[in-house]
Amino acid sequence: MLKFIYEGKNYNYGIGIGKQPYDIKTEIDVIEDANIQEAIDAFLKIMQIATYRIEGNKETILNAVEDYFEENF
């Protein structure tokens, strides 16, 4: 099973810059028999919550994972 956890504290960077007037904690549990597509979907969802935007898409992430394994294993 995979578990993704994100915790964010409140912040206020000033007028026009951004604020989050609350703490947030999010957990996503990916079941044991989930396929890679479902695990990537869960990862993208937690990143969307944590960063409010995601650069790229699933294809970009798959390419990054493939590149990492080619370089390190």
N, C-alpha and C. Protein backbone atom coordinates (compact mmCIF):
# COMPACT_ATOMS: atom_id res chain seq x y z
N MET A 1 0.84 -1.18 0.00
CA MET A 1 0.00 0.00 0.00
C MET A 1 0.88 1.24 0.00
N LEU A 2 0.47 2.24 -0.71
CA LEU A 2 1.14 3.55 -0.70
C LEU A 2 0.29 4.52 0.10
N LYS A 3 0.96 5.42 0.80
CA LYS A 3 0.26 6.47 1.53
C LYS A 3 0.95 7.78 1.22
N PHE A 4 0.19 8.74 0.71
CA PHE A 4 0.69 10.08 0.46
C PHE A 4 0.10 10.99 1.53
N ILE A 5 0.95 11.78 2.19
CA ILE A 5 0.49 12.68 3.24
C ILE A 5 1.03 14.08 2.94
N TYR A 6 0.15 15.05 3.05
CA TYR A 6 0.57 16.45 2.92
C TYR A 6 0.03 17.23 4.11
N GLU A 7 0.91 18.01 4.73
CA GLU A 7 0.50 18.90 5.80
C GLU A 7 0.99 20.30 5.46
N GLY A 8 0.09 21.26 5.52
CA GLY A 8 0.44 22.64 5.25
C GLY A 8 -0.07 23.55 6.35
N LYS A 9 0.79 24.42 6.82
CA LYS A 9 0.41 25.37 7.86
C LYS A 9 -0.16 26.64 7.23
N ASN A 10 -0.90 27.38 8.01
CA ASN A 10 -1.46 28.64 7.51
C ASN A 10 -0.32 29.61 7.22
N TYR A 11 -0.58 30.53 6.32
CA TYR A 11 0.41 31.55 5.98
C TYR A 11 -0.29 32.79 5.46
N ASN A 12 0.41 33.90 5.51
CA ASN A 12 -0.08 35.15 4.95
C ASN A 12 1.13 35.94 4.48
N TYR A 13 1.34 35.96 3.17
CA TYR A 13 2.51 36.63 2.60
C TYR A 13 2.24 38.10 2.29
N GLY A 14 1.06 38.58 2.58
CA GLY A 14 0.76 39.99 2.36
C GLY A 14 -0.27 40.18 1.27
N ILE A 15 -0.72 41.42 1.15
CA ILE A 15 -1.77 41.77 0.20
C ILE A 15 -1.30 41.49 -1.22
N GLY A 16 -2.12 40.78 -1.96
CA GLY A 16 -1.84 40.50 -3.36
C GLY A 16 -0.82 39.40 -3.60
N ILE A 17 -0.24 38.84 -2.55
CA ILE A 17 0.76 37.79 -2.73
C ILE A 17 0.17 36.42 -2.48
N GLY A 18 -0.60 36.29 -1.42
CA GLY A 18 -1.26 35.02 -1.15
C GLY A 18 -1.35 34.71 0.33
N LYS A 19 -2.42 33.99 0.66
CA LYS A 19 -2.57 33.55 2.03
C LYS A 19 -3.41 32.29 2.08
N GLN A 20 -3.21 31.56 3.15
CA GLN A 20 -4.02 30.39 3.45
C GLN A 20 -4.32 30.48 4.94
N PRO A 21 -5.52 30.92 5.31
CA PRO A 21 -5.81 31.20 6.71
C PRO A 21 -6.18 29.95 7.52
N TYR A 22 -5.67 28.81 7.14
CA TYR A 22 -5.99 27.56 7.83
C TYR A 22 -4.86 26.56 7.65
N ASP A 23 -4.75 25.63 8.59
CA ASP A 23 -3.85 24.49 8.43
C ASP A 23 -4.59 23.42 7.64
N ILE A 24 -3.85 22.60 6.92
CA ILE A 24 -4.48 21.54 6.14
C ILE A 24 -3.65 20.27 6.27
N LYS A 25 -4.33 19.15 6.38
CA LYS A 25 -3.68 17.85 6.36
C LYS A 25 -4.50 16.94 5.46
N THR A 26 -3.84 16.34 4.51
CA THR A 26 -4.50 15.46 3.56
C THR A 26 -3.75 14.14 3.49
N GLU A 27 -4.47 13.05 3.51
CA GLU A 27 -3.88 11.73 3.36
C GLU A 27 -4.60 10.99 2.23
N ILE A 28 -3.83 10.35 1.39
CA ILE A 28 -4.39 9.50 0.34
C ILE A 28 -3.76 8.13 0.48
N ASP A 29 -4.59 7.13 0.69
CA ASP A 29 -4.14 5.74 0.74
C ASP A 29 -4.45 5.08 -0.59
N VAL A 30 -3.44 4.49 -1.20
CA VAL A 30 -3.62 3.77 -2.46
C VAL A 30 -3.66 2.29 -2.11
N ILE A 31 -4.71 1.61 -2.50
CA ILE A 31 -4.89 0.21 -2.12
C ILE A 31 -3.81 -0.67 -2.76
N GLU A 32 -3.60 -1.82 -2.15
CA GLU A 32 -2.51 -2.71 -2.55
C GLU A 32 -2.56 -3.15 -4.00
N ASP A 33 -3.75 -3.39 -4.52
CA ASP A 33 -3.83 -3.90 -5.88
C ASP A 33 -4.04 -2.79 -6.92
N ALA A 34 -3.73 -1.54 -6.55
CA ALA A 34 -3.84 -0.44 -7.50
C ALA A 34 -2.76 -0.58 -8.57
N ASN A 35 -3.10 -0.16 -9.77
CA ASN A 35 -2.10 -0.19 -10.83
C ASN A 35 -1.30 1.12 -10.83
N ILE A 36 -0.29 1.20 -11.65
CA ILE A 36 0.59 2.37 -11.67
C ILE A 36 -0.18 3.63 -12.06
N GLN A 37 -1.13 3.51 -12.94
CA GLN A 37 -1.94 4.66 -13.35
C GLN A 37 -2.70 5.25 -12.16
N GLU A 38 -3.28 4.38 -11.34
CA GLU A 38 -4.02 4.84 -10.17
C GLU A 38 -3.09 5.47 -9.13
N ALA A 39 -1.90 4.91 -8.97
CA ALA A 39 -0.92 5.48 -8.04
C ALA A 39 -0.46 6.86 -8.51
N ILE A 40 -0.24 7.01 -9.79
CA ILE A 40 0.17 8.31 -10.34
C ILE A 40 -0.97 9.31 -10.18
N ASP A 41 -2.20 8.89 -10.41
CA ASP A 41 -3.35 9.78 -10.21
C ASP A 41 -3.40 10.29 -8.78
N ALA A 42 -3.14 9.41 -7.81
CA ALA A 42 -3.15 9.80 -6.40
C ALA A 42 -2.02 10.80 -6.12
N PHE A 43 -0.85 10.54 -6.68
CA PHE A 43 0.29 11.44 -6.51
C PHE A 43 -0.02 12.82 -7.09
N LEU A 44 -0.58 12.85 -8.28
CA LEU A 44 -0.93 14.12 -8.91
C LEU A 44 -1.97 14.87 -8.09
N LYS A 45 -2.92 14.16 -7.51
CA LYS A 45 -3.95 14.80 -6.70
C LYS A 45 -3.35 15.44 -5.46
N ILE A 46 -2.47 14.73 -4.77
CA ILE A 46 -1.85 15.30 -3.57
C ILE A 46 -0.96 16.49 -3.94
N MET A 47 -0.29 16.43 -5.07
CA MET A 47 0.52 17.57 -5.52
C MET A 47 -0.34 18.76 -5.88
N GLN A 48 -1.51 18.51 -6.45
CA GLN A 48 -2.43 19.61 -6.77
C GLN A 48 -2.91 20.29 -5.49
N ILE A 49 -3.18 19.51 -4.46
CA ILE A 49 -3.60 20.07 -3.18
C ILE A 49 -2.45 20.85 -2.54
N ALA A 50 -1.25 20.31 -2.61
CA ALA A 50 -0.10 20.92 -1.95
C ALA A 50 0.40 22.17 -2.67
N THR A 51 0.32 22.21 -3.98
CA THR A 51 0.94 23.30 -4.73
C THR A 51 -0.04 24.14 -5.53
N TYR A 52 -1.28 23.73 -5.59
CA TYR A 52 -2.34 24.43 -6.33
C TYR A 52 -2.15 24.41 -7.84
N ARG A 53 -1.07 23.87 -8.31
CA ARG A 53 -0.88 23.71 -9.75
C ARG A 53 0.15 22.63 -10.00
N ILE A 54 0.09 22.04 -11.17
CA ILE A 54 1.04 21.00 -11.53
C ILE A 54 1.58 21.33 -12.91
N GLU A 55 2.89 21.35 -13.04
CA GLU A 55 3.52 21.54 -14.34
C GLU A 55 3.63 20.19 -15.02
N GLY A 56 3.13 20.08 -16.21
CA GLY A 56 3.22 18.82 -16.93
C GLY A 56 2.00 17.95 -16.71
N ASN A 57 2.14 16.68 -17.02
CA ASN A 57 1.03 15.74 -16.91
C ASN A 57 1.57 14.36 -16.55
N LYS A 58 0.72 13.36 -16.65
CA LYS A 58 1.14 11.99 -16.31
C LYS A 58 2.29 11.53 -17.20
N GLU A 59 2.25 11.90 -18.44
CA GLU A 59 3.32 11.52 -19.38
C GLU A 59 4.66 12.07 -18.91
N THR A 60 4.66 13.32 -18.46
CA THR A 60 5.88 13.94 -17.96
C THR A 60 6.43 13.18 -16.76
N ILE A 61 5.54 12.81 -15.84
CA ILE A 61 5.97 12.07 -14.65
C ILE A 61 6.50 10.70 -15.03
N LEU A 62 5.82 10.00 -15.91
CA LEU A 62 6.30 8.69 -16.35
C LEU A 62 7.67 8.78 -16.99
N ASN A 63 7.89 9.81 -17.80
CA ASN A 63 9.19 10.01 -18.43
C ASN A 63 10.27 10.27 -17.38
N ALA A 64 9.95 11.06 -16.36
CA ALA A 64 10.91 11.36 -15.30
C ALA A 64 11.27 10.10 -14.53
N VAL A 65 10.29 9.26 -14.23
CA VAL A 65 10.54 8.01 -13.52
C VAL A 65 11.41 7.09 -14.38
N GLU A 66 11.08 7.00 -15.65
CA GLU A 66 11.86 6.15 -16.56
C GLU A 66 13.31 6.65 -16.64
N ASP A 67 13.49 7.95 -16.78
CA ASP A 67 14.84 8.53 -16.83
C ASP A 67 15.62 8.23 -15.56
N TYR A 68 14.95 8.35 -14.40
CA TYR A 68 15.62 8.09 -13.13
C TYR A 68 16.13 6.66 -13.06
N PHE A 69 15.28 5.70 -13.43
CA PHE A 69 15.69 4.30 -13.36
C PHE A 69 16.77 3.97 -14.37
N GLU A 70 16.73 4.57 -15.53
CA GLU A 70 17.77 4.34 -16.53
C GLU A 70 19.13 4.87 -16.03
N GLU A 71 19.11 5.98 -15.31
CA GLU A 71 20.36 6.58 -14.85
C GLU A 71 20.91 5.93 -13.57
N ASN A 72 20.03 5.32 -12.77
CA ASN A 72 20.45 4.86 -11.45
C ASN A 72 20.44 3.35 -11.26
N PHE A 73 19.91 2.59 -12.20
CA PHE A 73 19.86 1.14 -12.02
C PHE A 73 20.33 0.40 -13.25
